[in-house]
Protein backbone atom coordinates (compact mmCIF):
# COMPACT_ATOMS: atom_id res chain seq x y z
CA MET A 1 147.66 -44.26 96.46
CA LYS A 2 145.43 -43.35 93.55
CA HIS A 3 142.86 -40.58 93.92
CA ILE A 4 139.48 -39.64 92.47
CA GLU A 5 139.16 -36.04 91.38
CA ILE A 6 135.98 -34.31 92.59
CA PRO A 7 135.08 -30.83 91.24
CA GLY A 8 135.37 -28.21 93.96
CA LEU A 9 137.81 -30.15 96.15
CA ARG A 10 141.33 -28.97 96.81
CA ASN A 11 142.58 -32.56 97.07
CA GLY A 12 141.56 -35.68 95.20
CA VAL A 13 139.80 -38.35 97.26
CA SER A 14 142.04 -41.27 98.19
CA ARG A 15 140.59 -44.56 96.98
CA LEU A 16 140.77 -45.85 100.53
CA ILE A 17 138.63 -43.79 102.88
CA MET A 18 139.01 -44.18 106.61
CA GLY A 19 135.79 -45.17 108.37
CA SER A 20 135.28 -43.83 111.86
CA ASP A 21 132.26 -45.48 113.39
CA TYR A 22 134.34 -46.61 116.37
CA PHE A 23 136.09 -43.24 116.87
CA MET A 24 135.53 -41.48 120.19
CA PRO A 25 137.55 -39.11 122.39
CA GLU A 26 137.51 -41.89 124.97
CA VAL A 27 139.78 -43.99 122.69
CA TYR A 28 141.70 -41.07 121.22
CA ASP A 29 145.09 -42.81 121.48
CA LEU A 30 143.74 -45.52 119.11
CA VAL A 31 142.18 -42.90 116.85
CA ARG A 32 145.45 -40.96 116.65
CA LYS A 33 147.47 -44.10 115.96
CA ASN A 34 145.19 -45.33 113.18
CA LEU A 35 144.76 -41.92 111.52
CA ASP A 36 148.51 -41.30 111.60
CA ALA A 37 149.08 -44.70 109.97
CA PHE A 38 146.35 -44.00 107.40
CA ALA A 39 147.92 -40.68 106.42
CA ALA A 40 151.33 -42.38 106.22
CA ILE A 41 150.13 -44.72 103.44
CA GLY A 42 148.69 -41.83 101.43
CA GLY A 43 145.11 -41.80 102.72
CA ASN A 44 143.61 -38.34 102.90
CA THR A 45 139.83 -38.77 103.30
CA ILE A 46 137.94 -39.56 106.51
CA ASP A 47 134.30 -40.59 106.64
CA THR A 48 132.07 -39.72 109.57
CA ALA A 49 128.48 -38.71 110.28
CA PHE A 50 126.40 -36.58 112.58
CA ILE A 51 124.98 -39.65 114.30
CA TYR A 52 128.14 -41.75 114.72
CA ARG A 53 128.70 -42.41 118.39
CA GLU A 54 126.26 -39.55 119.10
CA GLY A 55 128.73 -37.08 117.61
CA ARG A 56 131.83 -38.38 119.37
CA SER A 57 133.27 -39.68 116.07
CA GLU A 58 133.32 -36.16 114.66
CA GLN A 59 134.81 -34.84 117.91
CA ALA A 60 137.69 -37.33 117.80
CA ILE A 61 138.46 -36.47 114.19
CA GLY A 62 138.43 -32.77 115.00
CA MET A 63 140.90 -33.36 117.79
CA TRP A 64 143.29 -35.18 115.47
CA VAL A 65 143.13 -32.62 112.66
CA GLU A 66 143.69 -29.77 115.10
CA GLU A 67 146.56 -31.59 116.82
CA ARG A 68 148.27 -32.49 113.53
CA GLY A 69 147.61 -29.10 111.87
CA ASN A 70 146.82 -30.84 108.58
CA ARG A 71 143.38 -29.47 107.75
CA SER A 72 144.41 -28.35 104.27
CA GLU A 73 145.65 -31.84 103.44
CA ILE A 74 142.67 -33.85 104.70
CA ASN A 75 139.25 -34.30 103.15
CA LEU A 76 136.67 -34.34 105.91
CA TRP A 77 133.45 -36.08 104.86
CA THR A 78 130.41 -36.01 107.11
CA LYS A 79 126.82 -37.02 106.61
CA GLY A 80 123.57 -35.62 107.93
CA ALA A 81 119.77 -35.69 107.75
CA HIS A 82 119.45 -39.25 109.03
CA PRO A 83 115.94 -39.92 110.39
CA ASN A 84 115.62 -39.75 114.16
CA LYS A 85 112.94 -40.55 116.73
CA ASP A 86 110.94 -37.54 115.53
CA GLY A 87 110.91 -38.59 111.89
CA LYS A 88 112.64 -37.67 108.62
CA ARG A 89 115.26 -34.92 108.49
CA VAL A 90 115.80 -34.07 104.83
CA ASN A 91 114.84 -30.41 105.11
CA ARG A 92 116.56 -27.06 105.21
CA ALA A 93 116.31 -26.48 108.96
CA ALA A 94 117.60 -29.92 109.95
CA ILE A 95 120.46 -29.85 107.47
CA GLN A 96 121.50 -26.37 108.61
CA GLU A 97 121.29 -27.31 112.29
CA GLU A 98 123.17 -30.59 112.01
CA LEU A 99 125.89 -29.20 109.73
CA SER A 100 126.54 -26.34 112.16
CA ILE A 101 126.99 -28.83 114.99
CA SER A 102 129.17 -31.09 112.86
CA LEU A 103 131.47 -28.23 111.92
CA GLU A 104 131.88 -27.31 115.58
CA ARG A 105 132.69 -30.90 116.52
CA LEU A 106 135.17 -31.20 113.65
CA ARG A 107 136.79 -27.87 114.62
CA THR A 108 136.56 -26.46 111.12
CA ASP A 109 134.41 -23.97 109.22
CA TYR A 110 133.81 -26.24 106.22
CA VAL A 111 133.73 -29.89 105.21
CA ASP A 112 135.18 -31.04 101.91
CA LEU A 113 132.45 -33.62 101.34
CA TYR A 114 128.91 -33.74 102.67
CA ALA A 115 126.29 -36.40 102.03
CA LEU A 116 122.66 -36.83 102.93
CA HIS A 117 122.68 -39.97 105.06
CA ARG A 118 119.28 -41.08 103.74
CA ASP A 119 116.79 -40.01 101.08
CA ASP A 120 113.27 -38.75 101.65
CA THR A 121 111.31 -39.45 98.49
CA ASP A 122 108.50 -37.18 99.71
CA VAL A 123 110.82 -34.22 99.12
CA PRO A 124 111.34 -33.19 95.46
CA VAL A 125 114.94 -33.53 94.29
CA GLY A 126 114.90 -29.91 93.14
CA GLU A 127 114.18 -28.68 96.64
CA ILE A 128 116.99 -30.84 98.04
CA LEU A 129 119.48 -29.56 95.47
CA GLU A 130 118.55 -25.94 96.20
CA ILE A 131 119.28 -26.54 99.91
CA LEU A 132 122.64 -28.18 99.23
CA ASN A 133 123.68 -25.53 96.72
CA GLU A 134 122.99 -22.88 99.36
CA GLN A 135 125.51 -24.60 101.65
CA VAL A 136 128.09 -24.65 98.85
CA GLU A 137 127.56 -20.96 98.20
CA ALA A 138 127.97 -20.25 101.90
CA GLY A 139 131.33 -22.06 101.84
CA ARG A 140 130.28 -24.61 104.43
CA ILE A 141 130.71 -27.59 102.09
CA LEU A 142 132.88 -27.93 98.97
CA ALA A 143 131.09 -30.85 97.30
CA PHE A 144 128.06 -32.99 98.17
CA GLY A 145 126.72 -36.43 97.47
CA ALA A 146 124.06 -38.90 98.45
CA SER A 147 124.28 -41.87 100.77
CA ASN A 148 121.77 -44.69 100.21
CA TRP A 149 119.90 -43.17 97.30
CA THR A 150 118.53 -45.25 94.44
CA TRP A 151 120.03 -44.74 91.02
CA GLN A 152 116.66 -43.51 89.79
CA ARG A 153 116.58 -40.64 92.29
CA LEU A 154 120.22 -39.86 91.52
CA ALA A 155 119.42 -39.69 87.80
CA GLU A 156 116.44 -37.42 88.49
CA ALA A 157 118.59 -35.13 90.61
CA GLN A 158 121.36 -34.91 88.03
CA SER A 159 118.86 -34.08 85.32
CA TYR A 160 117.31 -31.36 87.46
CA ALA A 161 120.71 -29.86 88.32
CA GLU A 162 121.73 -29.72 84.67
CA SER A 163 118.48 -28.12 83.52
CA HIS A 164 118.45 -25.55 86.33
CA GLY A 165 122.11 -24.52 86.34
CA LEU A 166 122.78 -26.05 89.76
CA ARG A 167 125.60 -28.16 91.09
CA GLY A 168 124.58 -31.81 91.22
CA PHE A 169 125.76 -34.72 93.25
CA SER A 170 129.49 -35.40 92.98
CA PHE A 171 129.34 -38.96 94.38
CA SER A 172 127.05 -41.63 95.68
CA SER A 173 127.62 -43.84 98.72
CA PRO A 174 125.73 -47.11 98.68
CA ASN A 175 127.01 -50.53 99.65
CA LEU A 176 129.12 -51.98 96.81
CA ALA A 177 130.83 -55.29 97.55
CA LEU A 178 131.60 -58.57 95.86
CA ALA A 179 129.03 -60.32 98.07
CA LYS A 180 125.56 -59.07 97.12
CA ALA A 181 123.16 -58.17 99.90
CA LYS A 182 119.91 -60.17 99.96
CA GLU A 183 118.24 -57.46 102.05
CA ALA A 184 119.20 -54.19 103.69
CA TYR A 185 121.74 -54.44 106.49
CA TRP A 186 120.10 -51.43 108.17
CA ASP A 187 116.72 -49.85 107.41
CA GLY A 188 116.84 -47.53 104.42
CA CYS A 189 120.20 -48.76 103.17
CA ILE A 190 120.87 -49.29 99.47
CA SER A 191 123.13 -51.96 98.00
CA VAL A 192 124.30 -51.90 94.39
CA ASP A 193 122.42 -54.19 92.05
CA GLU A 194 123.04 -54.77 88.34
CA GLU A 195 120.92 -51.81 87.22
CA THR A 196 122.73 -49.50 89.63
CA LEU A 197 126.09 -50.75 88.40
CA GLN A 198 125.10 -50.14 84.77
CA TRP A 199 123.87 -46.62 85.52
CA HIS A 200 127.08 -45.65 87.27
CA GLY A 201 129.04 -47.15 84.41
CA GLN A 202 127.16 -44.89 82.01
CA SER A 203 127.00 -41.73 84.15
CA LYS A 204 130.51 -42.17 85.64
CA LEU A 205 129.26 -40.86 88.97
CA PRO A 206 131.80 -42.14 91.52
CA ILE A 207 130.78 -44.54 94.27
CA PHE A 208 132.27 -44.32 97.76
CA SER A 209 131.25 -47.72 99.11
CA TRP A 210 130.42 -48.52 102.71
CA SER A 211 130.79 -52.14 103.89
CA SER A 212 133.01 -52.62 100.85
CA GLN A 213 134.32 -55.89 102.33
CA ALA A 214 130.85 -57.23 103.09
CA ARG A 215 131.05 -56.98 106.88
CA GLY A 216 133.84 -59.56 107.06
CA PHE A 217 132.27 -62.17 104.78
CA PHE A 218 135.60 -62.66 102.96
CA THR A 219 137.88 -62.74 106.02
CA GLY A 220 137.90 -66.53 106.21
CA ARG A 221 136.37 -66.46 109.70
CA PHE A 222 133.05 -67.79 108.38
CA THR A 223 131.97 -70.90 106.50
CA ARG A 224 128.77 -72.15 104.94
CA ASP A 225 127.97 -74.06 108.11
CA ASP A 226 128.86 -71.26 110.57
CA HIS A 227 125.70 -69.33 111.40
CA SER A 228 127.10 -67.58 114.47
CA ASP A 229 126.68 -64.08 113.00
CA ALA A 230 122.94 -63.71 112.45
CA ASP A 231 123.20 -60.42 110.49
CA LEU A 232 125.85 -61.80 108.16
CA VAL A 233 123.70 -64.87 107.51
CA ARG A 234 120.60 -62.76 106.95
CA VAL A 235 122.25 -60.40 104.49
CA PHE A 236 124.95 -62.38 102.67
CA TYR A 237 124.52 -66.15 103.06
CA ASN A 238 123.33 -67.72 99.82
CA ASP A 239 124.73 -70.07 97.16
CA GLU A 240 125.70 -67.24 94.80
CA ASN A 241 127.77 -65.39 97.39
CA TRP A 242 129.53 -68.55 98.48
CA GLU A 243 130.36 -69.18 94.83
CA ARG A 244 131.80 -65.66 94.68
CA TYR A 245 133.79 -66.50 97.80
CA ASP A 246 135.16 -69.65 96.17
CA ARG A 247 136.15 -67.73 93.03
CA ALA A 248 137.82 -65.01 95.11
CA GLN A 249 139.76 -67.74 96.91
CA GLU A 250 140.89 -69.25 93.61
CA LEU A 251 141.99 -65.91 92.19
CA ALA A 252 143.73 -65.00 95.44
CA LYS A 253 145.83 -68.15 95.20
CA GLN A 254 146.76 -67.33 91.60
CA LYS A 255 147.87 -63.82 92.54
CA GLY A 256 149.48 -64.66 95.87
CA VAL A 257 147.18 -62.43 97.91
CA SER A 258 144.37 -62.97 100.41
CA ILE A 259 140.68 -63.53 99.70
CA ILE A 260 139.65 -60.30 101.37
CA GLN A 261 142.17 -58.36 99.30
CA ILE A 262 140.58 -59.73 96.13
CA ALA A 263 137.17 -58.72 97.46
CA LEU A 264 138.42 -55.16 98.03
CA ALA A 265 140.15 -55.08 94.66
CA TYR A 266 136.82 -56.01 93.03
CA VAL A 267 135.28 -52.80 94.42
CA LEU A 268 138.24 -50.68 93.26
CA ASN A 269 138.42 -52.11 89.71
CA GLN A 270 135.05 -51.05 88.32
CA SER A 271 134.62 -49.20 85.01
CA PHE A 272 134.05 -45.90 86.84
CA GLY A 273 135.64 -44.20 89.83
CA THR A 274 135.26 -46.04 93.11
CA ALA A 275 136.60 -45.65 96.60
CA ALA A 276 136.14 -47.97 99.56
CA ILE A 277 135.43 -47.01 103.14
CA ILE A 278 137.61 -49.21 105.35
CA GLY A 279 137.66 -49.75 109.08
CA PRO A 280 141.06 -51.09 110.09
CA GLN A 281 141.74 -51.09 113.78
CA ASN A 282 145.36 -52.21 113.63
CA GLU A 283 148.41 -51.94 111.37
CA ALA A 284 147.99 -55.39 109.80
CA GLU A 285 144.44 -54.66 108.65
CA LEU A 286 145.50 -51.26 107.29
CA LEU A 287 148.44 -52.66 105.33
CA SER A 288 146.22 -55.38 103.91
CA CYS A 289 143.91 -52.68 102.55
CA ARG A 290 146.91 -50.68 101.24
CA ASP A 291 148.18 -53.69 99.29
CA ALA A 292 144.70 -54.54 97.99
CA GLU A 293 144.41 -51.01 96.54
CA THR A 294 147.34 -51.80 94.23
CA ILE A 295 145.84 -55.00 92.79
CA SER A 296 144.74 -54.66 89.17
CA LEU A 297 141.95 -56.86 87.89
CA THR A 298 140.98 -57.21 84.25
CA ASP A 299 137.40 -56.66 83.15
CA GLU A 300 137.09 -60.38 82.62
CA GLU A 301 138.35 -61.12 86.13
CA VAL A 302 135.84 -58.67 87.61
CA LYS A 303 133.01 -60.28 85.64
CA TRP A 304 134.15 -63.77 86.58
CA LEU A 305 134.27 -62.94 90.28
CA ASP A 306 130.73 -61.57 89.98
CA LEU A 307 129.47 -64.75 88.27
CA LYS A 308 128.97 -62.94 84.96
CA ALA A 309 131.57 -65.01 83.08
C-alpha cells in the first residue's frame, strides 16, 4: 500500500486509514479481527477521537496495540477539542486535559497524529498553533492537523506558522468524496468544495478524508426513488450526484471493478496527497478497499467523474 510522508512521523501514513467509530472493548473480538486484517494488507494508521463511543474507541485500540506489541509500527491518530454541552473546547486547558485522557486510554505516551476535531474562529490561529507546538515539544504528539477547518483558516494558520517559526498543520481532515454534500452531515462539518480542492492542489497539504465513500451512496443499495435513509437524502441526493453515480458505474464497467471502488479511487487520485478513512466491518469490505487503493485514474477520468469534463 502506498503511503504519505508526514514530517515528524516515524512511519508514512497508509492511504487507507482505519476508522474506529464502532470500536469498543465490548466488541473487542471484532476489533482485533478487523485491525489484524487491516495490518495484514499494509494499513498502519488508525483514526479515533476523544468523543468516539465516549472514549471506548480509544480504549479498544489501546488494548489491540498493547496485545500485538506493535506500537512502533502503527500510527495512532486521535482528535480532540470537540464542543460539548458546556461549549467550545479549543483552548489550552481542554486540549491538555483531553489529550492526557486519550493517551491513557490508548496505553501510550504519545500519538503520531493529533487533530482538532472542530475549529473555533473566535480563537486566533496563532494562539492555537502555539498550543499545539507546545504539545509537540513535550513529545505528546508527533504531528498535528485540523479536522473540519475551512481552507481560509488553514491558509491563515500556515502563513502564521511560517512567519513565526512554528510548525504548521501537516494535514487537513474534511469530507472529500465523489458525491458532493449539499449541507453538513453533522453540525460544524466541512466538505470539500471547488475552492478547497484548488487550494489543496496549490498548497499540497494532504487531506485525510472522512466519509470518503459518501456514507454508502455508491454501494448500489440506494436509488433515486429510494428515500429510506433520510440523512443520505438530505446530504447527497441531487441530480448532479446521481450523474456522478452514473458515470462511476460506467467507468466501473470499463475497468471491471465496482462502483464504490471507483468512488474511493476518485478520492485517492487527486493532484495532492490524499488518504481515505474507511470503516470495513468484514473481510469483503476491507479487500474491496484494498483493491480500490490500487486503481489508477487519469486526470481526465477524475475530472469526468466530477462533471468537469
